[in-house]
Amino acid sequence: MKRNNLFVAILLAVFLLTGNSFAQAAAPAAGGFTGVATADQSATGIRTPLFLGAALGFGSGTGVGTSRGLGLRQIEPMIGVWLPGIGFLRAGYGFSNYEEDVEDGDDAEVEHSDFDIELGVHLLGELYVTGAYSRVKELSDVGDVAWNEWGAGFGTLLNIFSKTMLFAEVSYRWVLDHYDPFMDKDVSGSRLQFNIGFASYVF
């Protein structure tokens, strides 16, 4: 029940921010101020498109073959370049720890980390599409493993100050073939991930 409630809350946040992006895109532009998502960066005081941010990533497991359900997958600080109304390129390092059951009944702690590179292109107002590559690592006493993931999705942002914004994203991830030490076999497949975070321009 808790997992279902979390899933509904995430989808609701995405839909609300998506609706806001369409409303801002449809608003009259004559003499109006639309925040950071404007072609005239000088109007918002932005000197460079460099930004810092962070996101919480919720996913349907850390990889294919694990027993984890829907939940917090990573905490990810990030840095990048976001051109208002055009697109962005960002890099982030996500991390989280969790416990996995092993055959003898004990729990093994797993240190999960991933290095993400994401490219986004604005389509309409604050609505954008994304493409991503991730290098994922998991370290545990049972065995260490690393694999690659590719992703595609969409997102939207909400301007809260002239240089700060919230964003929500949904992406589909392709998990490439890798060895799962807990299942003692090679696995591959796909999963969903939801990101909710913030970004702030540096200058």
N, C-alpha and C. Protein backbone atom coordinates (compact mmCIF):
# COMPACT_ATOMS: atom_id res chain seq x y z
N MET A 1 0.83 -1.20 0.00
CA MET A 1 0.00 0.00 0.00
C MET A 1 0.87 1.26 0.00
N LYS A 2 1.97 1.25 0.80
CA LYS A 2 2.84 2.42 0.86
C LYS A 2 3.49 2.67 -0.48
N ARG A 3 3.88 1.58 -1.18
CA ARG A 3 4.51 1.75 -2.48
C ARG A 3 3.53 2.34 -3.48
N ASN A 4 2.27 1.90 -3.43
CA ASN A 4 1.26 2.45 -4.34
C ASN A 4 1.03 3.93 -4.07
N ASN A 5 0.98 4.32 -2.80
CA ASN A 5 0.79 5.73 -2.45
C ASN A 5 1.96 6.58 -2.93
N LEU A 6 3.18 6.05 -2.81
CA LEU A 6 4.35 6.78 -3.28
C LEU A 6 4.31 6.96 -4.79
N PHE A 7 3.92 5.90 -5.49
CA PHE A 7 3.81 5.96 -6.95
C PHE A 7 2.80 7.01 -7.38
N VAL A 8 1.64 7.05 -6.73
CA VAL A 8 0.60 8.02 -7.06
C VAL A 8 1.08 9.44 -6.77
N ALA A 9 1.78 9.65 -5.65
CA ALA A 9 2.27 10.98 -5.29
C ALA A 9 3.27 11.49 -6.31
N ILE A 10 4.15 10.61 -6.80
CA ILE A 10 5.14 11.01 -7.79
C ILE A 10 4.46 11.41 -9.09
N LEU A 11 3.53 10.58 -9.56
CA LEU A 11 2.82 10.89 -10.80
C LEU A 11 2.03 12.19 -10.68
N LEU A 12 1.42 12.43 -9.51
CA LEU A 12 0.65 13.65 -9.30
C LEU A 12 1.56 14.87 -9.40
N ALA A 13 2.75 14.80 -8.80
CA ALA A 13 3.70 15.91 -8.87
C ALA A 13 4.12 16.19 -10.31
N VAL A 14 4.36 15.13 -11.08
CA VAL A 14 4.76 15.30 -12.48
C VAL A 14 3.65 15.94 -13.28
N PHE A 15 2.40 15.48 -13.10
CA PHE A 15 1.27 16.02 -13.85
C PHE A 15 1.02 17.49 -13.49
N LEU A 16 1.16 17.84 -12.20
CA LEU A 16 0.95 19.23 -11.79
C LEU A 16 1.98 20.15 -12.42
N LEU A 17 3.24 19.73 -12.41
CA LEU A 17 4.28 20.56 -13.01
C LEU A 17 4.14 20.62 -14.52
N THR A 18 3.68 19.52 -15.14
CA THR A 18 3.46 19.52 -16.58
C THR A 18 2.34 20.48 -16.94
N GLY A 19 1.26 20.47 -16.16
CA GLY A 19 0.17 21.41 -16.41
C GLY A 19 0.61 22.85 -16.27
N ASN A 20 1.48 23.11 -15.29
CA ASN A 20 2.01 24.46 -15.11
C ASN A 20 2.84 24.89 -16.31
N SER A 21 3.61 23.96 -16.89
CA SER A 21 4.45 24.31 -18.04
C SER A 21 3.59 24.69 -19.24
N PHE A 22 2.49 23.99 -19.48
CA PHE A 22 1.60 24.34 -20.58
C PHE A 22 0.93 25.68 -20.32
N ALA A 23 0.57 25.95 -19.06
CA ALA A 23 -0.08 27.22 -18.74
C ALA A 23 0.87 28.38 -18.98
N GLN A 24 2.15 28.23 -18.61
CA GLN A 24 3.11 29.30 -18.83
C GLN A 24 3.42 29.48 -20.30
N ALA A 25 3.41 28.36 -21.06
CA ALA A 25 3.68 28.46 -22.48
C ALA A 25 2.56 29.17 -23.21
N ALA A 26 1.33 29.04 -22.70
CA ALA A 26 0.18 29.65 -23.35
C ALA A 26 -0.08 31.08 -22.89
N ALA A 27 0.61 31.52 -21.82
CA ALA A 27 0.37 32.86 -21.29
C ALA A 27 0.88 33.91 -22.26
N PRO A 28 0.25 35.11 -22.31
CA PRO A 28 0.71 36.19 -23.19
C PRO A 28 2.12 36.59 -22.83
N ALA A 29 2.94 36.85 -23.84
CA ALA A 29 4.35 37.18 -23.62
C ALA A 29 4.60 38.68 -23.69
N ALA A 30 3.62 39.47 -24.10
CA ALA A 30 3.85 40.90 -24.31
C ALA A 30 4.12 41.59 -22.98
N GLY A 31 5.38 42.05 -22.83
CA GLY A 31 5.76 42.80 -21.63
C GLY A 31 5.77 41.96 -20.39
N GLY A 32 5.61 40.62 -20.52
CA GLY A 32 5.54 39.78 -19.34
C GLY A 32 6.90 39.25 -18.94
N PHE A 33 7.01 38.79 -17.70
CA PHE A 33 8.23 38.19 -17.20
C PHE A 33 7.94 36.75 -16.89
N THR A 34 8.65 35.82 -17.52
CA THR A 34 8.38 34.39 -17.37
C THR A 34 9.45 33.66 -16.61
N GLY A 35 10.31 34.36 -15.89
CA GLY A 35 11.31 33.69 -15.08
C GLY A 35 12.54 33.35 -15.90
N VAL A 36 13.23 32.25 -15.55
CA VAL A 36 14.49 31.91 -16.20
C VAL A 36 14.29 31.34 -17.58
N ALA A 37 13.16 30.79 -17.90
CA ALA A 37 12.94 30.16 -19.19
C ALA A 37 12.58 31.21 -20.23
N THR A 38 13.53 32.07 -20.56
CA THR A 38 13.33 33.09 -21.56
C THR A 38 14.60 33.27 -22.35
N ALA A 39 14.47 33.70 -23.60
CA ALA A 39 15.63 33.85 -24.46
C ALA A 39 16.51 35.00 -24.01
N ASP A 40 15.95 35.97 -23.32
CA ASP A 40 16.72 37.13 -22.87
C ASP A 40 17.23 36.87 -21.46
N GLN A 41 18.44 36.34 -21.34
CA GLN A 41 18.97 36.01 -20.03
C GLN A 41 19.28 37.25 -19.22
N SER A 42 19.61 38.35 -19.87
CA SER A 42 19.94 39.57 -19.13
C SER A 42 18.75 40.10 -18.36
N ALA A 43 17.54 39.78 -18.82
CA ALA A 43 16.34 40.25 -18.14
C ALA A 43 16.18 39.60 -16.77
N THR A 44 16.77 38.42 -16.58
CA THR A 44 16.66 37.72 -15.31
C THR A 44 17.90 37.86 -14.46
N GLY A 45 18.92 38.54 -14.96
CA GLY A 45 20.15 38.70 -14.21
C GLY A 45 21.09 37.53 -14.33
N ILE A 46 20.83 36.60 -15.25
CA ILE A 46 21.69 35.44 -15.43
C ILE A 46 22.88 35.82 -16.30
N ARG A 47 24.08 35.66 -15.77
CA ARG A 47 25.28 36.01 -16.51
C ARG A 47 25.84 34.81 -17.26
N THR A 48 25.66 33.64 -16.72
CA THR A 48 26.12 32.40 -17.36
C THR A 48 25.10 31.30 -17.08
N PRO A 49 24.92 30.35 -18.01
CA PRO A 49 23.92 29.30 -17.79
C PRO A 49 24.39 28.16 -16.89
N LEU A 50 25.55 28.32 -16.22
CA LEU A 50 26.04 27.29 -15.32
C LEU A 50 25.12 27.18 -14.09
N PHE A 51 24.76 25.94 -13.72
CA PHE A 51 23.88 25.76 -12.57
C PHE A 51 24.37 24.62 -11.68
N LEU A 52 23.94 24.67 -10.44
CA LEU A 52 24.13 23.60 -9.47
C LEU A 52 22.75 23.13 -9.02
N GLY A 53 22.64 21.85 -8.68
CA GLY A 53 21.35 21.34 -8.25
C GLY A 53 21.48 19.97 -7.60
N ALA A 54 20.34 19.39 -7.32
CA ALA A 54 20.29 18.06 -6.72
C ALA A 54 18.91 17.47 -6.98
N ALA A 55 18.83 16.14 -6.93
CA ALA A 55 17.55 15.48 -7.18
C ALA A 55 17.44 14.21 -6.34
N LEU A 56 16.20 13.85 -6.05
CA LEU A 56 15.90 12.56 -5.47
C LEU A 56 15.38 11.67 -6.59
N GLY A 57 15.96 10.48 -6.73
CA GLY A 57 15.54 9.56 -7.77
C GLY A 57 14.78 8.39 -7.19
N PHE A 58 13.55 8.20 -7.64
CA PHE A 58 12.72 7.08 -7.22
C PHE A 58 12.61 6.11 -8.38
N GLY A 59 12.85 4.83 -8.13
CA GLY A 59 12.82 3.88 -9.24
C GLY A 59 12.23 2.55 -8.84
N SER A 60 12.00 1.73 -9.85
CA SER A 60 11.47 0.39 -9.63
C SER A 60 12.61 -0.60 -9.45
N GLY A 61 13.47 -0.33 -8.45
CA GLY A 61 14.60 -1.21 -8.18
C GLY A 61 15.90 -0.62 -8.66
N THR A 62 17.02 -1.12 -8.14
CA THR A 62 18.32 -0.62 -8.56
C THR A 62 18.78 -1.25 -9.86
N GLY A 63 18.25 -2.37 -10.19
CA GLY A 63 18.62 -3.06 -11.43
C GLY A 63 17.68 -4.21 -11.67
N VAL A 64 17.86 -4.90 -12.73
CA VAL A 64 17.00 -6.04 -13.04
C VAL A 64 17.49 -7.26 -12.27
N GLY A 65 16.56 -7.97 -11.62
CA GLY A 65 16.92 -9.17 -10.89
C GLY A 65 16.96 -8.98 -9.38
N THR A 66 16.99 -7.74 -8.89
CA THR A 66 17.01 -7.51 -7.45
C THR A 66 15.58 -7.58 -6.91
N SER A 67 15.49 -7.70 -5.58
CA SER A 67 14.17 -7.84 -4.96
C SER A 67 13.59 -6.50 -4.54
N ARG A 68 14.28 -5.39 -4.78
CA ARG A 68 13.78 -4.09 -4.35
C ARG A 68 12.57 -3.68 -5.16
N GLY A 69 11.60 -3.08 -4.48
CA GLY A 69 10.43 -2.56 -5.16
C GLY A 69 10.60 -1.07 -5.42
N LEU A 70 9.47 -0.39 -5.60
CA LEU A 70 9.50 1.05 -5.84
C LEU A 70 9.95 1.78 -4.58
N GLY A 71 10.91 2.67 -4.72
CA GLY A 71 11.40 3.42 -3.57
C GLY A 71 12.52 4.35 -3.95
N LEU A 72 13.11 4.99 -2.94
CA LEU A 72 14.21 5.92 -3.17
C LEU A 72 15.42 5.17 -3.72
N ARG A 73 15.86 5.59 -4.87
CA ARG A 73 16.96 4.90 -5.53
C ARG A 73 18.28 5.66 -5.39
N GLN A 74 18.21 6.99 -5.36
CA GLN A 74 19.45 7.74 -5.26
C GLN A 74 19.22 9.16 -4.78
N ILE A 75 20.25 9.73 -4.18
CA ILE A 75 20.35 11.15 -3.89
C ILE A 75 21.47 11.66 -4.78
N GLU A 76 21.18 12.63 -5.65
CA GLU A 76 22.13 12.99 -6.69
C GLU A 76 22.42 14.48 -6.77
N PRO A 77 23.57 14.93 -6.28
CA PRO A 77 24.03 16.29 -6.58
C PRO A 77 24.41 16.36 -8.07
N MET A 78 24.24 17.52 -8.69
CA MET A 78 24.53 17.64 -10.12
C MET A 78 25.03 19.04 -10.46
N ILE A 79 25.70 19.12 -11.60
CA ILE A 79 26.19 20.37 -12.14
C ILE A 79 26.02 20.33 -13.65
N GLY A 80 25.83 21.50 -14.26
CA GLY A 80 25.67 21.49 -15.70
C GLY A 80 25.41 22.87 -16.27
N VAL A 81 25.02 22.87 -17.52
CA VAL A 81 24.68 24.09 -18.25
C VAL A 81 23.23 23.98 -18.71
N TRP A 82 22.41 24.98 -18.38
CA TRP A 82 20.99 24.98 -18.75
C TRP A 82 20.70 26.29 -19.48
N LEU A 83 20.50 26.21 -20.79
CA LEU A 83 20.17 27.39 -21.58
C LEU A 83 18.66 27.61 -21.51
N PRO A 84 18.19 28.70 -20.93
CA PRO A 84 16.75 28.92 -20.74
C PRO A 84 15.96 28.78 -22.03
N GLY A 85 14.95 27.92 -22.01
CA GLY A 85 14.07 27.72 -23.15
C GLY A 85 14.67 26.91 -24.28
N ILE A 86 15.93 26.47 -24.15
CA ILE A 86 16.59 25.73 -25.23
C ILE A 86 16.90 24.30 -24.80
N GLY A 87 17.70 24.13 -23.77
CA GLY A 87 18.04 22.79 -23.33
C GLY A 87 19.13 22.81 -22.28
N PHE A 88 19.60 21.62 -21.89
CA PHE A 88 20.62 21.53 -20.85
C PHE A 88 21.50 20.30 -21.06
N LEU A 89 22.67 20.36 -20.45
CA LEU A 89 23.59 19.23 -20.34
C LEU A 89 24.06 19.21 -18.90
N ARG A 90 23.90 18.07 -18.25
CA ARG A 90 24.25 18.02 -16.83
C ARG A 90 24.91 16.69 -16.50
N ALA A 91 25.68 16.69 -15.42
CA ALA A 91 26.33 15.49 -14.91
C ALA A 91 26.06 15.40 -13.42
N GLY A 92 25.84 14.20 -12.93
CA GLY A 92 25.55 14.02 -11.53
C GLY A 92 26.10 12.71 -11.01
N TYR A 93 26.29 12.66 -9.70
CA TYR A 93 26.76 11.44 -9.04
C TYR A 93 25.74 11.06 -7.99
N GLY A 94 25.04 9.97 -8.22
CA GLY A 94 24.00 9.52 -7.30
C GLY A 94 24.50 8.40 -6.41
N PHE A 95 23.94 8.30 -5.21
CA PHE A 95 24.37 7.26 -4.28
C PHE A 95 23.23 6.89 -3.35
N SER A 96 23.28 5.67 -2.85
CA SER A 96 22.34 5.19 -1.84
C SER A 96 22.84 3.83 -1.36
N ASN A 97 22.41 3.45 -0.17
CA ASN A 97 22.73 2.13 0.39
C ASN A 97 21.44 1.39 0.69
N TYR A 98 21.48 0.08 0.55
CA TYR A 98 20.31 -0.73 0.90
C TYR A 98 20.79 -2.12 1.30
N GLU A 99 19.87 -2.92 1.84
CA GLU A 99 20.20 -4.28 2.26
C GLU A 99 19.52 -5.29 1.36
N GLU A 100 20.25 -6.37 1.05
CA GLU A 100 19.74 -7.41 0.18
C GLU A 100 19.81 -8.75 0.91
N ASP A 101 18.76 -9.59 0.76
CA ASP A 101 18.75 -10.90 1.40
C ASP A 101 19.72 -11.85 0.70
N VAL A 102 20.38 -12.67 1.51
CA VAL A 102 21.26 -13.71 0.98
C VAL A 102 20.76 -15.07 1.45
N GLU A 103 21.33 -16.14 0.89
CA GLU A 103 20.80 -17.48 1.12
C GLU A 103 20.86 -17.93 2.57
N ASP A 104 21.89 -17.50 3.33
CA ASP A 104 22.02 -17.96 4.71
C ASP A 104 21.11 -17.21 5.68
N GLY A 105 20.27 -16.32 5.17
CA GLY A 105 19.32 -15.60 6.00
C GLY A 105 19.79 -14.26 6.48
N ASP A 106 21.07 -13.97 6.35
CA ASP A 106 21.59 -12.67 6.75
C ASP A 106 21.34 -11.64 5.65
N ASP A 107 21.46 -10.37 6.03
CA ASP A 107 21.32 -9.28 5.06
C ASP A 107 22.70 -8.74 4.71
N ALA A 108 22.91 -8.51 3.43
CA ALA A 108 24.17 -7.93 2.96
C ALA A 108 23.92 -6.48 2.58
N GLU A 109 24.74 -5.57 3.09
CA GLU A 109 24.60 -4.16 2.75
C GLU A 109 25.23 -3.89 1.40
N VAL A 110 24.51 -3.18 0.55
CA VAL A 110 24.96 -2.87 -0.80
C VAL A 110 25.15 -1.36 -0.92
N GLU A 111 26.33 -0.96 -1.37
CA GLU A 111 26.61 0.45 -1.64
C GLU A 111 26.39 0.70 -3.12
N HIS A 112 25.36 1.47 -3.42
CA HIS A 112 24.96 1.74 -4.81
C HIS A 112 25.39 3.15 -5.21
N SER A 113 25.99 3.28 -6.38
CA SER A 113 26.36 4.60 -6.90
C SER A 113 26.23 4.58 -8.42
N ASP A 114 26.00 5.75 -8.99
CA ASP A 114 25.95 5.85 -10.44
C ASP A 114 26.35 7.25 -10.89
N PHE A 115 27.07 7.27 -12.00
CA PHE A 115 27.48 8.52 -12.63
C PHE A 115 26.57 8.75 -13.83
N ASP A 116 25.84 9.86 -13.83
CA ASP A 116 24.84 10.13 -14.86
C ASP A 116 25.25 11.32 -15.73
N ILE A 117 25.02 11.19 -17.03
CA ILE A 117 25.13 12.30 -17.97
C ILE A 117 23.80 12.41 -18.69
N GLU A 118 23.17 13.58 -18.64
CA GLU A 118 21.85 13.76 -19.23
C GLU A 118 21.81 14.98 -20.14
N LEU A 119 21.12 14.80 -21.25
CA LEU A 119 20.91 15.87 -22.22
C LEU A 119 19.41 16.12 -22.34
N GLY A 120 18.99 17.38 -22.25
CA GLY A 120 17.59 17.73 -22.36
C GLY A 120 17.37 18.81 -23.40
N VAL A 121 16.24 18.73 -24.09
CA VAL A 121 15.88 19.71 -25.11
C VAL A 121 14.45 20.18 -24.85
N HIS A 122 14.25 21.50 -24.73
CA HIS A 122 12.92 22.05 -24.50
C HIS A 122 12.07 21.94 -25.77
N LEU A 123 10.83 21.50 -25.60
CA LEU A 123 9.91 21.39 -26.72
C LEU A 123 8.88 22.50 -26.72
N LEU A 124 8.26 22.75 -25.57
CA LEU A 124 7.20 23.74 -25.46
C LEU A 124 7.24 24.34 -24.06
N GLY A 125 7.64 25.61 -23.98
CA GLY A 125 7.71 26.25 -22.68
C GLY A 125 8.69 25.54 -21.77
N GLU A 126 8.22 25.11 -20.61
CA GLU A 126 9.05 24.41 -19.64
C GLU A 126 9.05 22.89 -19.82
N LEU A 127 8.33 22.38 -20.81
CA LEU A 127 8.31 20.94 -21.07
C LEU A 127 9.51 20.55 -21.92
N TYR A 128 10.22 19.48 -21.55
CA TYR A 128 11.40 19.06 -22.29
C TYR A 128 11.51 17.53 -22.33
N VAL A 129 12.31 17.05 -23.28
CA VAL A 129 12.61 15.62 -23.40
C VAL A 129 14.06 15.40 -22.99
N THR A 130 14.37 14.20 -22.52
CA THR A 130 15.71 13.90 -22.02
C THR A 130 16.24 12.60 -22.61
N GLY A 131 17.55 12.53 -22.67
CA GLY A 131 18.28 11.31 -22.98
C GLY A 131 19.39 11.17 -21.96
N ALA A 132 19.69 9.94 -21.52
CA ALA A 132 20.64 9.78 -20.42
C ALA A 132 21.51 8.54 -20.61
N TYR A 133 22.71 8.64 -20.06
CA TYR A 133 23.61 7.49 -19.94
C TYR A 133 24.06 7.41 -18.49
N SER A 134 24.09 6.20 -17.93
CA SER A 134 24.52 6.00 -16.55
C SER A 134 25.50 4.84 -16.45
N ARG A 135 26.52 5.05 -15.65
CA ARG A 135 27.45 3.98 -15.28
C ARG A 135 27.18 3.66 -13.82
N VAL A 136 26.70 2.45 -13.56
CA VAL A 136 26.22 2.08 -12.24
C VAL A 136 27.17 1.08 -11.60
N LYS A 137 27.39 1.24 -10.29
CA LYS A 137 28.22 0.31 -9.53
C LYS A 137 27.51 -0.08 -8.25
N GLU A 138 27.65 -1.36 -7.85
CA GLU A 138 27.14 -1.83 -6.57
C GLU A 138 28.22 -2.67 -5.91
N LEU A 139 28.55 -2.29 -4.68
CA LEU A 139 29.60 -2.97 -3.92
C LEU A 139 28.99 -3.65 -2.71
N SER A 140 29.35 -4.91 -2.49
CA SER A 140 28.85 -5.67 -1.33
C SER A 140 29.81 -6.81 -1.03
N ASP A 141 29.62 -7.47 0.12
CA ASP A 141 30.45 -8.62 0.49
C ASP A 141 30.18 -9.81 -0.41
N VAL A 142 29.01 -9.85 -1.03
CA VAL A 142 28.67 -10.97 -1.92
C VAL A 142 29.43 -10.85 -3.24
N GLY A 143 29.66 -9.62 -3.69
CA GLY A 143 30.38 -9.40 -4.94
C GLY A 143 30.15 -8.00 -5.46
N ASP A 144 31.11 -7.48 -6.17
CA ASP A 144 31.00 -6.15 -6.78
C ASP A 144 30.59 -6.29 -8.24
N VAL A 145 29.77 -5.35 -8.70
CA VAL A 145 29.27 -5.42 -10.07
C VAL A 145 29.09 -4.01 -10.62
N ALA A 146 29.23 -3.87 -11.93
CA ALA A 146 29.01 -2.58 -12.60
C ALA A 146 28.32 -2.83 -13.93
N TRP A 147 27.48 -1.88 -14.34
CA TRP A 147 26.80 -2.02 -15.61
C TRP A 147 26.43 -0.65 -16.17
N ASN A 148 25.97 -0.65 -17.42
CA ASN A 148 25.57 0.58 -18.10
C ASN A 148 24.05 0.63 -18.25
N GLU A 149 23.52 1.84 -18.24
CA GLU A 149 22.10 2.06 -18.50
C GLU A 149 21.93 3.21 -19.50
N TRP A 150 20.95 3.10 -20.36
CA TRP A 150 20.55 4.19 -21.25
C TRP A 150 19.12 4.57 -20.90
N GLY A 151 18.78 5.83 -21.03
CA GLY A 151 17.44 6.27 -20.67
C GLY A 151 16.88 7.32 -21.59
N ALA A 152 15.56 7.39 -21.64
CA ALA A 152 14.84 8.42 -22.40
C ALA A 152 13.58 8.77 -21.63
N GLY A 153 13.20 10.06 -21.65
CA GLY A 153 12.01 10.45 -20.91
C GLY A 153 11.63 11.88 -21.18
N PHE A 154 10.85 12.45 -20.26
CA PHE A 154 10.42 13.83 -20.38
C PHE A 154 10.35 14.45 -19.00
N GLY A 155 10.33 15.77 -18.96
CA GLY A 155 10.26 16.47 -17.69
C GLY A 155 9.69 17.86 -17.87
N THR A 156 9.53 18.54 -16.77
CA THR A 156 9.04 19.91 -16.78
C THR A 156 9.59 20.63 -15.56
N LEU A 157 9.61 21.94 -15.62
CA LEU A 157 10.14 22.72 -14.51
C LEU A 157 9.16 23.79 -14.06
N LEU A 158 9.38 24.26 -12.86
CA LEU A 158 8.57 25.31 -12.26
C LEU A 158 9.53 26.37 -11.71
N ASN A 159 9.45 27.59 -12.23
CA ASN A 159 10.30 28.68 -11.77
C ASN A 159 9.76 29.22 -10.44
N ILE A 160 10.62 29.21 -9.40
CA ILE A 160 10.18 29.73 -8.11
C ILE A 160 10.86 31.05 -7.77
N PHE A 161 12.04 31.30 -8.31
CA PHE A 161 12.71 32.58 -8.21
C PHE A 161 13.32 32.87 -9.58
N SER A 162 13.93 34.04 -9.74
CA SER A 162 14.48 34.39 -11.05
C SER A 162 15.61 33.46 -11.48
N LYS A 163 16.32 32.85 -10.50
CA LYS A 163 17.45 31.99 -10.85
C LYS A 163 17.32 30.57 -10.31
N THR A 164 16.18 30.23 -9.75
CA THR A 164 16.00 28.91 -9.14
C THR A 164 14.74 28.26 -9.67
N MET A 165 14.78 26.95 -9.87
CA MET A 165 13.63 26.23 -10.40
C MET A 165 13.55 24.83 -9.82
N LEU A 166 12.33 24.32 -9.76
CA LEU A 166 12.08 22.94 -9.42
C LEU A 166 11.81 22.17 -10.70
N PHE A 167 12.14 20.88 -10.71
CA PHE A 167 11.85 20.08 -11.89
C PHE A 167 11.40 18.67 -11.48
N ALA A 168 10.63 18.06 -12.37
CA ALA A 168 10.17 16.69 -12.19
C ALA A 168 10.32 15.97 -13.52
N GLU A 169 10.79 14.72 -13.45
CA GLU A 169 11.07 13.96 -14.67
C GLU A 169 10.63 12.51 -14.54
N VAL A 170 10.26 11.92 -15.65
CA VAL A 170 9.97 10.49 -15.75
C VAL A 170 10.81 9.94 -16.88
N SER A 171 11.53 8.84 -16.64
CA SER A 171 12.35 8.26 -17.69
C SER A 171 12.25 6.74 -17.69
N TYR A 172 12.42 6.17 -18.87
CA TYR A 172 12.46 4.71 -19.05
C TYR A 172 13.91 4.33 -19.23
N ARG A 173 14.40 3.38 -18.42
CA ARG A 173 15.80 2.99 -18.44
C ARG A 173 15.98 1.58 -19.00
N TRP A 174 16.94 1.45 -19.93
CA TRP A 174 17.33 0.14 -20.43
C TRP A 174 18.57 -0.31 -19.67
N VAL A 175 18.45 -1.40 -18.91
CA VAL A 175 19.54 -1.93 -18.10
C VAL A 175 20.27 -2.98 -18.94
N LEU A 176 21.54 -2.71 -19.26
CA LEU A 176 22.30 -3.63 -20.10
C LEU A 176 22.76 -4.85 -19.30
N ASP A 177 23.10 -5.89 -20.03
CA ASP A 177 23.44 -7.18 -19.44
C ASP A 177 24.59 -7.05 -18.43
N HIS A 178 24.38 -7.64 -17.24
CA HIS A 178 25.41 -7.66 -16.21
C HIS A 178 25.17 -8.83 -15.28
N TYR A 179 26.21 -9.19 -14.52
CA TYR A 179 26.13 -10.31 -13.60
C TYR A 179 25.54 -9.85 -12.26
N ASP A 180 24.55 -10.59 -11.76
CA ASP A 180 23.95 -10.31 -10.47
C ASP A 180 24.49 -11.32 -9.46
N PRO A 181 25.34 -10.90 -8.51
CA PRO A 181 25.92 -11.86 -7.57
C PRO A 181 24.91 -12.48 -6.63
N PHE A 182 23.79 -11.82 -6.38
CA PHE A 182 22.78 -12.37 -5.49
C PHE A 182 21.97 -13.48 -6.17
N MET A 183 21.78 -13.37 -7.48
CA MET A 183 21.06 -14.39 -8.23
C MET A 183 22.00 -15.37 -8.92
N ASP A 184 23.30 -15.03 -8.92
CA ASP A 184 24.33 -15.87 -9.53
C ASP A 184 24.04 -16.15 -11.01
N LYS A 185 23.66 -15.09 -11.73
CA LYS A 185 23.44 -15.23 -13.17
C LYS A 185 23.45 -13.85 -13.82
N ASP A 186 23.56 -13.83 -15.14
CA ASP A 186 23.50 -12.57 -15.89
C ASP A 186 22.07 -12.11 -16.04
N VAL A 187 21.83 -10.82 -15.89
CA VAL A 187 20.48 -10.26 -16.01
C VAL A 187 20.53 -9.01 -16.89
N SER A 188 19.40 -8.66 -17.46
CA SER A 188 19.24 -7.43 -18.24
C SER A 188 17.75 -7.13 -18.31
N GLY A 189 17.40 -5.92 -18.72
CA GLY A 189 15.99 -5.59 -18.82
C GLY A 189 15.76 -4.09 -18.82
N SER A 190 14.71 -3.65 -18.11
CA SER A 190 14.34 -2.24 -18.11
C SER A 190 13.66 -1.89 -16.81
N ARG A 191 13.52 -0.59 -16.56
CA ARG A 191 12.86 -0.12 -15.35
C ARG A 191 12.44 1.33 -15.56
N LEU A 192 11.65 1.87 -14.61
CA LEU A 192 11.23 3.27 -14.63
C LEU A 192 11.94 4.04 -13.53
N GLN A 193 12.18 5.32 -13.78
CA GLN A 193 12.74 6.18 -12.74
C GLN A 193 12.06 7.53 -12.76
N PHE A 194 11.84 8.10 -11.56
CA PHE A 194 11.22 9.41 -11.38
C PHE A 194 12.20 10.30 -10.61
N ASN A 195 12.49 11.47 -11.14
CA ASN A 195 13.37 12.43 -10.48
C ASN A 195 12.60 13.67 -10.08
N ILE A 196 12.82 14.11 -8.86
CA ILE A 196 12.27 15.37 -8.38
C ILE A 196 13.42 16.16 -7.76
N GLY A 197 13.67 17.37 -8.26
CA GLY A 197 14.82 18.09 -7.75
C GLY A 197 14.73 19.60 -7.98
N PHE A 198 15.85 20.27 -7.77
CA PHE A 198 15.92 21.71 -7.96
C PHE A 198 17.24 22.06 -8.65
N ALA A 199 17.28 23.22 -9.27
CA ALA A 199 18.50 23.73 -9.89
C ALA A 199 18.53 25.24 -9.68
N SER A 200 19.73 25.77 -9.51
CA SER A 200 19.91 27.19 -9.29
C SER A 200 21.11 27.68 -10.09
N TYR A 201 20.91 28.78 -10.83
CA TYR A 201 22.01 29.35 -11.59
C TYR A 201 23.05 29.95 -10.64
N VAL A 202 24.33 29.79 -11.00
CA VAL A 202 25.42 30.23 -10.14
C VAL A 202 25.63 31.73 -10.21
N PHE A 203 25.59 32.31 -11.44
CA PHE A 203 25.82 33.75 -11.61
C PHE A 203 24.63 34.39 -12.29
